[in-house]
Amino acid sequence: MLYAQTGQGVDILSPIGILIMLIGLVLTVGFPVAMIKYGKKS
């Protein structure tokens, strides 16, 4: 968010910005949830 305000980095509303946001969400939320969900069964 700070990079977008200072004019550096990627525009969050552009397609590449949305892609980066989705990858970030998957890595920060999806990966730990998957580890917890599928890790205890094995």
Protein backbone atom coordinates (compact mmCIF):
# COMPACT_ATOMS: atom_id res chain seq x y z
CA MET A 1 0.00 0.00 0.00
CA LEU A 2 2.86 2.39 0.80
CA TYR A 3 4.56 1.79 -2.55
CA ALA A 4 1.39 2.68 -4.47
CA GLN A 5 1.10 6.00 -2.62
CA THR A 6 4.72 7.03 -3.18
CA GLY A 7 4.54 6.25 -6.91
CA GLN A 8 6.93 3.30 -6.74
CA GLY A 9 6.13 -0.30 -7.54
CA VAL A 10 2.93 -1.69 -9.07
CA ASP A 11 -0.52 -0.12 -9.31
CA ILE A 12 -2.82 -2.30 -7.18
CA LEU A 13 -5.81 -1.77 -9.49
CA SER A 14 -3.93 -3.00 -12.57
CA PRO A 15 -4.20 -6.68 -13.60
CA ILE A 16 -0.62 -7.40 -12.47
CA GLY A 17 -1.32 -5.72 -9.13
CA ILE A 18 -4.40 -7.87 -8.60
CA LEU A 19 -2.35 -10.94 -9.50
CA ILE A 20 0.33 -10.01 -6.96
CA MET A 21 -2.34 -9.41 -4.31
CA LEU A 22 -3.88 -12.85 -5.01
CA ILE A 23 -0.47 -14.55 -4.80
CA GLY A 24 0.17 -12.72 -1.52
CA LEU A 25 -3.17 -13.84 -0.10
CA VAL A 26 -2.53 -17.46 -1.13
CA LEU A 27 0.92 -17.46 0.47
CA THR A 28 -0.12 -15.73 3.70
CA VAL A 29 -3.55 -17.32 4.23
CA GLY A 30 -4.01 -20.33 1.95
CA PHE A 31 -0.69 -22.04 2.61
CA PRO A 32 -0.91 -22.15 6.45
CA VAL A 33 -4.56 -23.25 6.27
CA ALA A 34 -3.63 -26.02 3.85
CA MET A 35 -0.76 -27.11 6.09
CA ILE A 36 -3.07 -27.29 9.11
CA LYS A 37 -5.90 -28.95 7.20
CA TYR A 38 -3.89 -31.61 5.35
CA GLY A 39 -0.95 -31.96 7.73
CA LYS A 40 -2.78 -33.62 10.63
CA LYS A 41 -4.28 -36.44 8.55
CA SER A 42 -0.95 -37.94 7.50
